[in-house]
N, C-alpha and C. Protein backbone atom coordinates (compact mmCIF):
# COMPACT_ATOMS: atom_id res chain seq x y z
N MET A 1 21.64 34.73 6.88
CA MET A 1 21.15 35.73 5.97
C MET A 1 20.25 35.04 4.95
N PRO A 2 19.08 35.64 4.64
CA PRO A 2 18.17 35.03 3.67
C PRO A 2 18.77 35.09 2.28
N PRO A 3 18.37 34.13 1.43
CA PRO A 3 18.87 34.16 0.05
C PRO A 3 18.46 35.46 -0.64
N ARG A 4 19.23 35.81 -1.66
CA ARG A 4 18.97 37.03 -2.41
C ARG A 4 17.56 37.00 -2.98
N GLY A 5 16.80 38.07 -2.79
CA GLY A 5 15.44 38.18 -3.29
C GLY A 5 14.40 37.66 -2.31
N ALA A 6 14.82 36.97 -1.25
CA ALA A 6 13.87 36.46 -0.26
C ALA A 6 13.54 37.57 0.73
N PRO A 7 12.35 37.56 1.31
CA PRO A 7 12.02 38.60 2.28
C PRO A 7 12.95 38.49 3.49
N ASP A 8 13.19 39.63 4.14
CA ASP A 8 14.08 39.65 5.30
C ASP A 8 13.45 38.97 6.50
N HIS A 9 12.14 38.88 6.52
CA HIS A 9 11.49 38.25 7.68
C HIS A 9 10.61 37.11 7.19
N GLN A 10 10.45 36.15 8.01
CA GLN A 10 9.55 35.03 7.71
C GLN A 10 8.46 35.05 8.77
N GLU A 11 7.22 34.89 8.33
CA GLU A 11 6.14 34.82 9.30
C GLU A 11 6.26 33.51 10.04
N PRO A 12 6.08 33.54 11.35
CA PRO A 12 6.21 32.29 12.10
C PRO A 12 5.08 31.33 11.73
N LEU A 13 5.42 30.06 11.67
CA LEU A 13 4.41 29.04 11.40
C LEU A 13 3.59 28.81 12.66
N MET A 14 2.31 28.54 12.48
CA MET A 14 1.47 28.22 13.63
C MET A 14 1.90 26.84 14.13
N THR A 15 2.17 26.75 15.39
CA THR A 15 2.55 25.46 15.97
C THR A 15 1.33 24.83 16.62
N ALA A 16 1.47 23.55 16.94
CA ALA A 16 0.38 22.84 17.62
C ALA A 16 0.06 23.52 18.94
N ILE A 17 1.05 24.06 19.58
CA ILE A 17 0.83 24.75 20.85
C ILE A 17 -0.04 25.98 20.63
N ASP A 18 0.24 26.75 19.56
CA ASP A 18 -0.56 27.93 19.25
C ASP A 18 -2.01 27.55 18.98
N VAL A 19 -2.21 26.50 18.22
CA VAL A 19 -3.55 26.09 17.78
C VAL A 19 -4.36 25.51 18.94
N THR A 20 -3.73 24.78 19.84
CA THR A 20 -4.46 24.09 20.90
C THR A 20 -4.60 24.92 22.17
N GLY A 21 -3.75 25.89 22.35
CA GLY A 21 -3.75 26.66 23.59
C GLY A 21 -2.97 25.98 24.70
N ALA A 22 -2.34 24.86 24.38
CA ALA A 22 -1.54 24.14 25.37
C ALA A 22 -0.25 24.89 25.65
N ARG A 23 0.35 24.56 26.76
CA ARG A 23 1.61 25.22 27.14
C ARG A 23 2.82 24.33 26.94
N THR A 24 2.58 23.05 26.60
CA THR A 24 3.70 22.15 26.31
C THR A 24 3.40 21.37 25.05
N ALA A 25 4.45 20.89 24.40
CA ALA A 25 4.28 20.09 23.18
C ALA A 25 3.54 18.80 23.49
N GLU A 26 3.79 18.22 24.65
CA GLU A 26 3.13 16.98 25.02
C GLU A 26 1.61 17.18 25.15
N ALA A 27 1.22 18.26 25.82
CA ALA A 27 -0.19 18.56 25.98
C ALA A 27 -0.81 18.87 24.62
N ALA A 28 -0.09 19.56 23.76
CA ALA A 28 -0.60 19.87 22.43
C ALA A 28 -0.84 18.59 21.64
N ASP A 29 0.05 17.61 21.78
CA ASP A 29 -0.14 16.33 21.09
C ASP A 29 -1.39 15.61 21.59
N VAL A 30 -1.60 15.62 22.90
CA VAL A 30 -2.79 14.98 23.48
C VAL A 30 -4.05 15.68 22.96
N ILE A 31 -4.05 17.00 22.99
CA ILE A 31 -5.21 17.77 22.55
C ILE A 31 -5.48 17.54 21.07
N THR A 32 -4.44 17.55 20.26
CA THR A 32 -4.61 17.34 18.82
C THR A 32 -5.22 15.97 18.55
N GLY A 33 -4.71 14.94 19.21
CA GLY A 33 -5.26 13.59 19.03
C GLY A 33 -6.70 13.50 19.50
N ALA A 34 -7.00 14.11 20.64
CA ALA A 34 -8.36 14.08 21.16
C ALA A 34 -9.31 14.85 20.25
N ARG A 35 -8.86 15.96 19.69
CA ARG A 35 -9.70 16.73 18.77
C ARG A 35 -9.99 15.93 17.51
N GLU A 36 -9.02 15.19 17.03
CA GLU A 36 -9.25 14.34 15.86
C GLU A 36 -10.31 13.30 16.17
N ARG A 37 -10.26 12.73 17.36
CA ARG A 37 -11.26 11.75 17.77
C ARG A 37 -12.64 12.40 17.88
N ILE A 38 -12.70 13.61 18.45
CA ILE A 38 -13.98 14.33 18.55
C ILE A 38 -14.54 14.61 17.16
N ASP A 39 -13.69 15.02 16.23
CA ASP A 39 -14.15 15.29 14.86
C ASP A 39 -14.74 14.02 14.24
N ALA A 40 -14.09 12.88 14.48
CA ALA A 40 -14.61 11.61 13.95
C ALA A 40 -15.94 11.26 14.62
N LEU A 41 -16.03 11.48 15.92
CA LEU A 41 -17.29 11.23 16.63
C LEU A 41 -18.39 12.14 16.12
N ASP A 42 -18.07 13.41 15.90
CA ASP A 42 -19.06 14.35 15.36
C ASP A 42 -19.57 13.89 14.00
N ASP A 43 -18.67 13.39 13.16
CA ASP A 43 -19.09 12.89 11.86
C ASP A 43 -20.06 11.71 12.01
N ARG A 44 -19.78 10.82 12.96
CA ARG A 44 -20.67 9.69 13.21
C ARG A 44 -22.01 10.16 13.75
N ILE A 45 -21.99 11.12 14.68
CA ILE A 45 -23.23 11.65 15.25
C ILE A 45 -24.08 12.29 14.16
N ILE A 46 -23.46 13.08 13.30
CA ILE A 46 -24.19 13.72 12.20
C ILE A 46 -24.81 12.66 11.30
N GLY A 47 -24.07 11.61 11.00
CA GLY A 47 -24.60 10.52 10.18
C GLY A 47 -25.79 9.85 10.85
N LEU A 48 -25.71 9.63 12.15
CA LEU A 48 -26.82 9.01 12.88
C LEU A 48 -28.04 9.93 12.91
N ILE A 49 -27.80 11.21 13.05
CA ILE A 49 -28.93 12.16 13.03
C ILE A 49 -29.60 12.14 11.66
N GLN A 50 -28.80 12.13 10.60
CA GLN A 50 -29.37 12.07 9.26
C GLN A 50 -30.18 10.79 9.07
N GLU A 51 -29.68 9.69 9.61
CA GLU A 51 -30.42 8.42 9.54
C GLU A 51 -31.72 8.51 10.33
N ARG A 52 -31.67 9.14 11.51
CA ARG A 52 -32.87 9.31 12.34
C ARG A 52 -33.91 10.16 11.61
N VAL A 53 -33.47 11.21 10.94
CA VAL A 53 -34.39 12.05 10.17
C VAL A 53 -35.08 11.22 9.09
N ALA A 54 -34.33 10.37 8.40
CA ALA A 54 -34.90 9.55 7.33
C ALA A 54 -35.91 8.55 7.89
N VAL A 55 -35.59 7.90 9.00
CA VAL A 55 -36.51 6.94 9.62
C VAL A 55 -37.76 7.65 10.11
N SER A 56 -37.60 8.83 10.69
CA SER A 56 -38.74 9.61 11.14
C SER A 56 -39.67 9.95 9.98
N ALA A 57 -39.09 10.26 8.83
CA ALA A 57 -39.90 10.58 7.65
C ALA A 57 -40.75 9.38 7.24
N VAL A 58 -40.19 8.18 7.33
CA VAL A 58 -40.93 6.96 7.00
C VAL A 58 -42.11 6.80 7.95
N ILE A 59 -41.86 7.03 9.24
CA ILE A 59 -42.92 6.92 10.25
C ILE A 59 -44.02 7.94 9.98
N GLN A 60 -43.63 9.18 9.73
CA GLN A 60 -44.62 10.22 9.47
C GLN A 60 -45.46 9.90 8.23
N GLU A 61 -44.81 9.45 7.18
CA GLU A 61 -45.54 9.10 5.96
C GLU A 61 -46.55 7.99 6.22
N ALA A 62 -46.15 6.96 6.96
CA ALA A 62 -47.05 5.84 7.26
C ALA A 62 -48.21 6.31 8.14
N ARG A 63 -47.90 7.16 9.11
CA ARG A 63 -48.95 7.66 10.00
C ARG A 63 -49.98 8.50 9.23
N ILE A 64 -49.48 9.40 8.39
CA ILE A 64 -50.36 10.27 7.60
C ILE A 64 -51.17 9.43 6.59
N ALA A 65 -50.52 8.47 5.94
CA ALA A 65 -51.21 7.63 4.95
C ALA A 65 -52.34 6.83 5.60
N SER A 66 -52.21 6.52 6.89
CA SER A 66 -53.24 5.75 7.58
C SER A 66 -54.33 6.65 8.17
N GLY A 67 -54.21 7.96 7.92
CA GLY A 67 -55.21 8.89 8.43
C GLY A 67 -54.84 9.53 9.75
N GLY A 68 -53.63 9.27 10.22
CA GLY A 68 -53.19 9.83 11.49
C GLY A 68 -52.54 11.20 11.31
N ARG A 69 -52.13 11.73 12.43
CA ARG A 69 -51.44 13.03 12.43
C ARG A 69 -49.96 12.84 12.14
N ARG A 70 -49.34 13.89 11.68
CA ARG A 70 -47.91 13.86 11.38
C ARG A 70 -47.08 13.63 12.64
N VAL A 71 -47.52 14.21 13.76
CA VAL A 71 -46.76 14.17 15.01
C VAL A 71 -47.56 13.41 16.06
N ASN A 72 -46.84 12.57 16.81
CA ASN A 72 -47.43 11.85 17.93
C ASN A 72 -46.83 12.44 19.21
N LEU A 73 -47.56 13.32 19.85
CA LEU A 73 -47.02 14.05 21.00
C LEU A 73 -46.66 13.15 22.17
N SER A 74 -47.40 12.06 22.40
CA SER A 74 -47.06 11.18 23.51
C SER A 74 -45.72 10.50 23.25
N ARG A 75 -45.46 10.14 22.00
CA ARG A 75 -44.15 9.57 21.65
C ARG A 75 -43.05 10.60 21.85
N GLU A 76 -43.30 11.83 21.46
CA GLU A 76 -42.29 12.87 21.66
C GLU A 76 -41.99 13.08 23.14
N MET A 77 -43.00 12.99 23.98
CA MET A 77 -42.78 13.12 25.43
C MET A 77 -41.91 11.97 25.94
N ASP A 78 -42.10 10.77 25.39
CA ASP A 78 -41.25 9.63 25.75
C ASP A 78 -39.80 9.90 25.37
N VAL A 79 -39.60 10.43 24.17
CA VAL A 79 -38.25 10.74 23.70
C VAL A 79 -37.61 11.80 24.61
N LEU A 80 -38.36 12.84 24.92
CA LEU A 80 -37.84 13.90 25.81
C LEU A 80 -37.43 13.32 27.16
N GLY A 81 -38.28 12.47 27.71
CA GLY A 81 -37.99 11.86 29.00
C GLY A 81 -36.76 10.97 28.95
N HIS A 82 -36.62 10.24 27.87
CA HIS A 82 -35.46 9.35 27.71
C HIS A 82 -34.16 10.14 27.70
N TYR A 83 -34.12 11.21 26.93
CA TYR A 83 -32.92 12.04 26.86
C TYR A 83 -32.66 12.76 28.17
N ARG A 84 -33.71 13.24 28.83
CA ARG A 84 -33.54 13.91 30.11
C ARG A 84 -32.98 12.95 31.15
N GLN A 85 -33.50 11.74 31.17
CA GLN A 85 -33.02 10.75 32.13
C GLN A 85 -31.56 10.39 31.88
N ALA A 86 -31.20 10.27 30.62
CA ALA A 86 -29.83 9.87 30.28
C ALA A 86 -28.82 11.00 30.41
N LEU A 87 -29.25 12.25 30.11
CA LEU A 87 -28.29 13.36 30.00
C LEU A 87 -28.61 14.56 30.88
N GLY A 88 -29.67 14.48 31.66
CA GLY A 88 -30.04 15.61 32.50
C GLY A 88 -30.73 16.69 31.69
N LYS A 89 -30.82 17.88 32.28
CA LYS A 89 -31.55 18.99 31.65
C LYS A 89 -31.05 19.29 30.23
N PRO A 90 -29.73 19.28 29.97
CA PRO A 90 -29.29 19.54 28.59
C PRO A 90 -29.80 18.47 27.62
N GLY A 91 -30.07 17.27 28.11
CA GLY A 91 -30.60 16.22 27.26
C GLY A 91 -31.96 16.59 26.69
N THR A 92 -32.77 17.31 27.50
CA THR A 92 -34.08 17.74 27.02
C THR A 92 -33.92 18.69 25.84
N ALA A 93 -33.00 19.63 25.95
CA ALA A 93 -32.77 20.58 24.85
C ALA A 93 -32.26 19.85 23.61
N LEU A 94 -31.39 18.88 23.81
CA LEU A 94 -30.87 18.09 22.69
C LEU A 94 -32.01 17.33 22.02
N ALA A 95 -32.87 16.70 22.82
CA ALA A 95 -34.01 15.96 22.27
C ALA A 95 -34.94 16.89 21.51
N MET A 96 -35.18 18.07 22.04
CA MET A 96 -36.05 19.03 21.33
C MET A 96 -35.47 19.37 19.97
N THR A 97 -34.16 19.55 19.91
CA THR A 97 -33.50 19.86 18.65
C THR A 97 -33.64 18.68 17.68
N LEU A 98 -33.43 17.46 18.18
CA LEU A 98 -33.58 16.29 17.32
C LEU A 98 -35.01 16.17 16.81
N LEU A 99 -35.97 16.38 17.70
CA LEU A 99 -37.37 16.29 17.28
C LEU A 99 -37.68 17.35 16.22
N GLU A 100 -37.17 18.54 16.40
CA GLU A 100 -37.40 19.59 15.41
C GLU A 100 -36.78 19.25 14.07
N LEU A 101 -35.58 18.67 14.10
CA LEU A 101 -34.93 18.25 12.86
C LEU A 101 -35.73 17.16 12.16
N CYS A 102 -36.33 16.28 12.96
CA CYS A 102 -37.02 15.12 12.40
C CYS A 102 -38.44 15.41 11.93
N ARG A 103 -39.11 16.35 12.56
CA ARG A 103 -40.51 16.60 12.21
C ARG A 103 -40.80 18.03 11.87
N GLY A 104 -39.85 18.91 12.06
CA GLY A 104 -40.08 20.32 11.81
C GLY A 104 -40.77 20.95 13.01
N LYS A 105 -40.91 22.24 12.98
CA LYS A 105 -41.57 22.95 14.07
C LYS A 105 -43.06 22.63 14.07
N ILE A 106 -43.62 22.49 15.28
CA ILE A 106 -45.07 22.24 15.36
C ILE A 106 -45.77 23.47 15.86
């Protein structure tokens, strides 16, 4: 019986199984640990992207200051090819997104 003044029902706590979609506690533990690793990897990837954006800005500034264009399309084609070769068709889309983040829409 609940203590006097306490609600008669308690809402169930979310368990690791509920959160992960796993059907066993062991699988939930594996998923939870792997998700923590993915979150850490995502943080590193975001940091690297931010660093890439900053380096790209330095390149653009130097190119413009020397009388060149902001964007070097042949270099962008090299980047697209590199990502496509390493990651397949989705790599091209990823590279396009990175290029857009680094130089803006052209």
